[in-house]
């Protein structure tokens, strides 16, 4: 079953056959539309009055302006994703020069932010998407957009082992924002957790280069590679017995680490790999160190085991 993202970030079942919707996004042209064109005649209603309900961004643009063509789609995307937390009004600067003079627009693109009927902030130039998103978050007092709340729900489901639910949520987000790095990574991680390795591999190989190199996607790719290797591990008890009989059996220690990780003992796996690095860091082309990197990527950079493990690895490497 698919889901609809609600304005409060929750999800509700979507009837079969219903096309994906953003839940909070009004249809184009409806009263209160999130994105509209304006001019000096309707500016008071579209911007001043409207900003008394929700913040309004005013995008001053022109058809000849190259940076405008880069910025406007970013603004539209983020405003739609915000799901009603903010609106966008676009003003053609060439056709509204008097309005530009009143607001002292000196270069294009220029974006003004209105709140409670007053201009409260502005920026000029085609900022990167991350900076525009931060600008919007500041304007909305850090309120979470439905898409961001849904991502948090998906991550929580994944962390709780509710992998089928996580996969559904991430797929719904991806349907609305196909290039969303976090959603793509979530889909991949949920598929890996469900043993859908072939499906995850197919998604990875089909991604365009600009997405494939994103940090979250690279981490998911490491998790997939690790999952493939884990599928070939043996019984931890037998591997431990081999290691007890011969502590210098590097392959047994390496295989034991993979077997422990496969059984959700990440801490034990990290301990064995660190011990292998300490004993023989160059073994098998630094296989233990490289495997630790995959484990850290799979756990995530903020995980307490990753933070502590990286610190311990640095201590071993530079001691």
Protein backbone atom coordinates (compact mmCIF):
# COMPACT_ATOMS: atom_id res chain seq x y z
CA UNK A 1 0.00 0.00 0.00
CA UNK A 2 1.25 3.52 -0.81
CA UNK A 3 0.96 6.59 1.39
CA UNK A 4 -0.04 10.24 1.17
CA UNK A 5 2.10 12.80 2.99
CA UNK A 6 -0.11 14.99 5.17
CA UNK A 7 0.62 18.63 6.12
CA UNK A 8 1.65 17.58 9.64
CA UNK A 9 4.17 15.11 8.23
CA UNK A 10 2.13 12.00 9.05
CA UNK A 11 1.20 9.45 6.43
CA UNK A 12 -2.17 7.95 5.57
CA UNK A 13 -2.97 5.04 3.27
CA UNK A 14 -3.60 6.03 -0.33
CA UNK A 15 -6.45 4.29 -2.19
CA UNK A 16 -5.24 1.95 -4.90
CA UNK A 17 -4.86 3.64 -8.25
CA UNK A 18 -4.72 7.15 -6.84
CA UNK A 19 -1.87 9.19 -8.25
CA UNK A 20 0.77 10.38 -5.79
CA UNK A 21 0.06 13.75 -4.28
CA UNK A 22 1.98 16.04 -2.00
CA UNK A 23 -0.88 16.02 0.45
CA UNK A 24 -0.52 19.71 1.33
CA UNK A 25 0.03 21.22 -2.12
CA UNK A 26 -3.01 22.95 -3.58
CA UNK A 27 -3.65 22.40 -7.29
CA UNK A 28 -2.21 25.01 -9.64
CA UNK A 29 -4.50 27.96 -10.06
CA UNK A 30 -6.54 27.25 -6.93
CA UNK A 31 -7.27 29.99 -4.41
CA UNK A 32 -4.26 30.31 -2.16
CA UNK A 33 -1.95 28.67 -4.73
CA UNK A 34 1.57 28.31 -3.43
CA UNK A 35 3.16 29.76 -6.58
CA UNK A 36 1.79 32.61 -8.69
CA UNK A 37 2.82 35.49 -10.92
CA UNK A 38 2.12 39.03 -9.78
CA UNK A 39 2.56 42.66 -10.81
CA UNK A 40 2.24 46.12 -9.30
CA UNK A 41 -1.59 45.99 -9.45
CA UNK A 42 -1.94 42.78 -7.40
CA UNK A 43 1.23 43.02 -5.30
CA UNK A 44 -0.53 44.20 -2.15
CA UNK A 45 -2.99 41.32 -2.23
CA UNK A 46 -0.54 38.65 -3.41
CA UNK A 47 2.32 39.61 -1.11
CA UNK A 48 1.50 42.12 1.65
CA UNK A 49 -1.85 40.64 2.65
CA UNK A 50 -0.88 37.03 1.96
CA UNK A 51 2.22 37.32 4.14
CA UNK A 52 0.01 37.99 7.15
CA UNK A 53 -1.00 34.32 6.94
CA UNK A 54 2.25 32.65 5.81
CA UNK A 55 5.64 34.02 4.73
CA UNK A 56 5.92 34.96 1.06
CA UNK A 57 9.02 34.92 -1.14
CA UNK A 58 9.05 37.43 -4.00
CA UNK A 59 11.27 36.41 -6.91
CA UNK A 60 12.24 39.32 -9.19
CA UNK A 61 13.35 37.84 -12.49
CA UNK A 62 13.72 38.55 -16.22
CA UNK A 63 13.69 36.34 -19.29
CA UNK A 64 17.21 37.41 -20.31
CA UNK A 65 18.67 36.66 -16.86
CA UNK A 66 20.68 33.41 -16.83
CA UNK A 67 20.98 33.10 -13.03
CA UNK A 68 17.20 33.63 -12.79
CA UNK A 69 16.69 30.49 -14.85
CA UNK A 70 18.81 28.59 -12.32
CA UNK A 71 17.21 30.01 -9.19
CA UNK A 72 13.49 30.04 -10.02
CA UNK A 73 13.15 26.23 -10.40
CA UNK A 74 14.92 25.78 -7.07
CA UNK A 75 12.53 28.21 -5.39
CA UNK A 76 9.51 26.49 -6.93
CA UNK A 77 10.73 23.04 -5.87
CA UNK A 78 11.40 24.04 -2.25
CA UNK A 79 8.16 26.00 -1.90
CA UNK A 80 6.14 23.02 -3.14
CA UNK A 81 8.03 20.70 -0.81
CA UNK A 82 7.28 23.03 2.10
CA UNK A 83 3.65 22.04 1.67
CA UNK A 84 1.98 25.33 2.59
CA UNK A 85 4.51 26.72 5.07
CA UNK A 86 5.51 29.41 2.57
CA UNK A 87 4.38 30.89 -0.77
CA UNK A 88 6.24 32.13 -3.85
CA UNK A 89 5.29 35.17 -5.92
CA UNK A 90 7.17 35.77 -9.17
CA UNK A 91 7.52 39.29 -10.57
CA UNK A 92 8.81 40.03 -14.08
CA UNK A 93 11.24 42.90 -13.46
CA UNK A 94 11.09 44.21 -17.04
CA UNK A 95 7.32 44.57 -16.86
CA UNK A 96 7.27 46.04 -13.33
CA UNK A 97 10.08 48.58 -13.21
CA UNK A 98 8.17 50.95 -10.92
CA UNK A 99 7.77 48.16 -8.38
CA UNK A 100 11.47 47.31 -8.67
CA UNK A 101 12.35 50.94 -7.97
CA UNK A 102 10.10 51.04 -4.92
CA UNK A 103 11.79 47.95 -3.49
CA UNK A 104 15.25 49.04 -4.64
CA UNK A 105 15.87 45.97 -6.77
CA UNK A 106 19.30 46.65 -8.27
CA UNK A 107 20.25 43.26 -9.74
CA UNK A 108 18.59 40.05 -10.83
CA UNK A 109 17.63 37.70 -9.47
CA UNK A 110 16.60 39.35 -6.21
CA UNK A 111 14.42 37.56 -3.68
CA UNK A 112 12.56 39.40 -0.93
CA UNK A 113 10.96 37.65 2.03
CA UNK A 114 7.76 39.14 3.45
CA UNK A 115 6.25 38.23 6.80
CA UNK A 116 3.35 39.81 8.65
CA UNK A 117 2.97 42.35 5.86
CA UNK A 118 6.59 43.55 6.00
CA UNK A 119 9.85 42.76 4.15
CA UNK A 120 12.06 40.93 6.64
CA UNK A 121 14.94 39.50 4.61
CA UNK A 122 16.39 39.28 1.10
CA UNK A 123 19.17 37.82 -1.02
CA UNK A 124 20.57 38.40 -4.49
CA UNK A 125 21.96 35.95 -7.01
CA UNK A 126 21.41 32.25 -7.71
CA UNK A 127 22.24 30.66 -4.36
CA UNK A 128 22.78 26.88 -4.09
CA UNK A 129 19.72 24.86 -3.13
CA UNK A 130 21.08 24.15 0.36
CA UNK A 131 21.40 27.88 1.10
CA UNK A 132 17.93 28.64 -0.25
CA UNK A 133 16.52 25.86 1.93
CA UNK A 134 18.28 27.34 4.98
CA UNK A 135 16.85 30.77 4.08
CA UNK A 136 13.33 29.28 3.99
CA UNK A 137 13.82 27.37 7.24
CA UNK A 138 14.87 30.58 8.97
CA UNK A 139 11.82 32.38 7.57
CA UNK A 140 9.48 29.61 8.76
CA UNK A 141 11.11 29.48 12.21
CA UNK A 142 12.53 26.04 11.52
CA UNK A 143 9.15 24.40 10.91
CA UNK A 144 9.52 21.02 9.23
CA UNK A 145 8.05 20.59 5.77
CA UNK A 146 5.87 17.49 5.22
CA UNK A 147 8.58 15.97 3.02
CA UNK A 148 11.23 16.39 5.71
CA UNK A 149 8.91 14.97 8.35
CA UNK A 150 8.19 11.99 6.13
CA UNK A 151 11.93 11.43 5.71
CA UNK A 152 12.27 11.36 9.49
CA UNK A 153 9.43 8.85 9.68
CA UNK A 154 11.15 6.67 7.11
CA UNK A 155 14.44 6.82 8.97
CA UNK A 156 12.70 5.97 12.25
CA UNK A 157 10.98 2.98 10.64
CA UNK A 158 14.30 1.81 9.22
CA UNK A 159 16.01 2.15 12.60
CA UNK A 160 13.17 0.19 14.24
CA UNK A 161 13.52 -2.65 11.74
CA UNK A 162 10.16 -1.87 10.11
CA UNK A 163 11.76 -2.20 6.71
CA UNK A 164 8.60 -2.76 4.64
CA UNK A 165 7.07 0.43 6.03
CA UNK A 166 10.31 2.34 5.52
CA UNK A 167 10.48 1.22 1.91
CA UNK A 168 6.91 2.38 1.24
CA UNK A 169 7.55 5.81 2.78
CA UNK A 170 10.83 6.37 0.95
CA UNK A 171 9.31 5.26 -2.36
CA UNK A 172 6.42 7.71 -1.90
CA UNK A 173 8.88 10.53 -1.25
CA UNK A 174 10.94 9.52 -4.26
CA UNK A 175 7.81 9.52 -6.44
CA UNK A 176 7.31 13.19 -5.57
CA UNK A 177 11.01 14.14 -5.66
CA UNK A 178 12.93 11.62 -7.83
CA UNK A 179 16.32 13.25 -7.17
CA UNK A 180 15.93 13.32 -3.38
CA UNK A 181 19.22 11.89 -2.14
CA UNK A 182 17.94 10.94 1.30
CA UNK A 183 14.88 9.16 -0.14
CA UNK A 184 16.99 7.23 -2.65
CA UNK A 185 19.38 6.20 0.08
CA UNK A 186 16.44 5.15 2.24
CA UNK A 187 15.00 3.00 -0.54
CA UNK A 188 18.37 1.31 -1.03
CA UNK A 189 18.92 0.67 2.69
CA UNK A 190 15.42 -0.70 3.15
CA UNK A 191 15.88 -3.03 0.18
CA UNK A 192 19.23 -4.20 1.56
CA UNK A 193 17.66 -4.87 4.96
CA UNK A 194 14.91 -6.88 3.23
CA UNK A 195 17.45 -8.90 1.26
CA UNK A 196 16.45 -7.28 -2.04
CA UNK A 197 20.07 -6.96 -3.12
CA UNK A 198 19.43 -7.37 -6.84
CA UNK A 199 16.81 -4.61 -6.78
CA UNK A 200 19.16 -2.29 -4.91
CA UNK A 201 21.95 -3.07 -7.37
CA UNK A 202 19.65 -2.24 -10.28
CA UNK A 203 18.78 1.16 -8.79
CA UNK A 204 22.43 1.99 -8.14
CA UNK A 205 23.55 1.13 -11.66
CA UNK A 206 20.75 3.21 -13.18
CA UNK A 207 21.48 6.40 -11.24
CA UNK A 208 22.98 9.35 -13.13
CA UNK A 209 26.55 10.26 -12.21
CA UNK A 210 25.57 13.42 -10.31
CA UNK A 211 23.42 11.36 -7.91
CA UNK A 212 25.68 8.30 -7.69
CA UNK A 213 28.47 10.34 -6.10
CA UNK A 214 26.30 11.87 -3.37
CA UNK A 215 27.44 11.00 0.15
CA UNK A 216 24.23 9.20 1.19
CA UNK A 217 24.20 7.16 -2.00
CA UNK A 218 27.87 6.22 -1.65
CA UNK A 219 27.16 5.08 1.91
CA UNK A 220 24.24 2.96 0.72
CA UNK A 221 26.48 1.47 -1.99
CA UNK A 222 28.98 0.52 0.73
CA UNK A 223 26.16 -1.10 2.69
CA UNK A 224 25.18 -3.11 -0.39
CA UNK A 225 28.74 -4.26 -0.98
CA UNK A 226 29.03 -5.25 2.67
CA UNK A 227 25.73 -7.14 2.51
CA UNK A 228 27.01 -9.17 -0.45
CA UNK A 229 30.19 -10.07 1.40
CA UNK A 230 28.29 -10.96 4.57
CA UNK A 231 26.23 -13.48 2.62
CA UNK A 232 29.38 -15.57 2.20
CA UNK A 233 30.39 -15.72 5.88
CA UNK A 234 30.53 -18.83 8.02
CA UNK A 235 29.45 -19.77 11.53
CA UNK A 236 30.87 -17.41 14.18
CA UNK A 237 31.49 -20.25 16.64
CA UNK A 238 33.59 -22.18 14.12
CA UNK A 239 35.49 -19.04 13.13
CA UNK A 240 36.13 -18.21 16.79
CA UNK A 241 37.47 -21.73 17.36
CA UNK A 242 39.84 -21.34 14.42
CA UNK A 243 41.01 -18.03 15.81
CA UNK A 244 41.51 -19.42 19.31
CA UNK A 245 43.66 -22.20 17.83
CA UNK A 246 45.68 -19.71 15.79
CA UNK A 247 45.41 -15.99 16.71
CA UNK A 248 47.49 -15.16 13.62
CA UNK A 249 44.83 -16.52 11.26
CA UNK A 250 43.96 -13.17 9.69
CA UNK A 251 41.38 -14.60 7.32
CA UNK A 252 39.50 -16.22 10.20
CA UNK A 253 39.46 -12.92 12.11
CA UNK A 254 38.26 -11.06 9.03
CA UNK A 255 35.50 -13.61 8.35
CA UNK A 256 34.50 -13.54 12.01
CA UNK A 257 34.04 -9.78 11.84
CA UNK A 258 31.71 -10.14 8.84
CA UNK A 259 29.78 -12.94 10.54
CA UNK A 260 29.33 -10.85 13.68
CA UNK A 261 28.12 -7.85 11.69
CA UNK A 262 25.67 -10.08 9.83
CA UNK A 263 24.21 -11.03 13.21
CA UNK A 264 23.81 -7.37 14.26
CA UNK A 265 26.91 -7.39 16.48
CA UNK A 266 28.46 -4.27 14.96
CA UNK A 267 30.55 -3.57 18.04
CA UNK A 268 32.09 -7.05 17.96
CA UNK A 269 32.78 -6.73 14.24
CA UNK A 270 34.52 -3.40 14.73
CA UNK A 271 36.62 -4.84 17.58
CA UNK A 272 37.87 -7.72 15.43
CA UNK A 273 38.63 -5.51 12.44
CA UNK A 274 40.51 -3.03 14.60
CA UNK A 275 42.50 -5.88 16.12
CA UNK A 276 43.37 -7.09 12.62
CA UNK A 277 44.52 -3.61 11.63
CA UNK A 278 46.64 -3.47 14.79
CA UNK A 279 48.22 -6.87 14.08
CA UNK A 280 48.79 -6.50 10.34
CA UNK A 281 47.37 -3.36 8.74
CA UNK A 282 48.79 -4.21 5.29
CA UNK A 283 47.20 -7.67 5.17
CA UNK A 284 45.30 -8.39 1.96
CA UNK A 285 45.73 -4.86 0.64
CA UNK A 286 44.49 -3.24 3.88
CA UNK A 287 41.29 -5.26 3.77
CA UNK A 288 40.49 -4.70 7.46
CA UNK A 289 40.76 -0.92 7.25
CA UNK A 290 38.68 -0.81 4.08
CA UNK A 291 36.06 -3.05 5.68
CA UNK A 292 35.90 -0.75 8.69
CA UNK A 293 35.13 2.15 6.36
CA UNK A 294 32.25 0.15 4.87
CA UNK A 295 30.94 -0.66 8.34
CA UNK A 296 31.12 3.00 9.37
CA UNK A 297 29.34 4.07 6.18
CA UNK A 298 26.63 1.48 6.78
CA UNK A 299 26.07 2.55 10.38
CA UNK A 300 26.16 6.26 9.48
CA UNK A 301 28.60 8.98 10.43
CA UNK A 302 26.69 10.06 13.54
CA UNK A 303 26.34 6.56 15.04
CA UNK A 304 28.14 6.25 18.37
CA UNK A 305 30.00 3.13 17.23
CA UNK A 306 31.18 4.97 14.11
CA UNK A 307 32.41 7.96 16.08
CA UNK A 308 34.25 5.81 18.63
CA UNK A 309 35.48 3.37 15.98
CA UNK A 310 36.98 6.09 13.81
CA UNK A 311 38.75 7.51 16.83
CA UNK A 312 40.16 4.09 17.70
CA UNK A 313 41.19 3.47 14.09
CA UNK A 314 43.10 6.76 13.97
CA UNK A 315 44.82 5.84 17.22
CA UNK A 316 45.94 2.48 15.76
CA UNK A 317 47.05 3.92 12.43
CA UNK A 318 49.03 6.80 13.86
CA UNK A 319 50.44 5.19 16.99
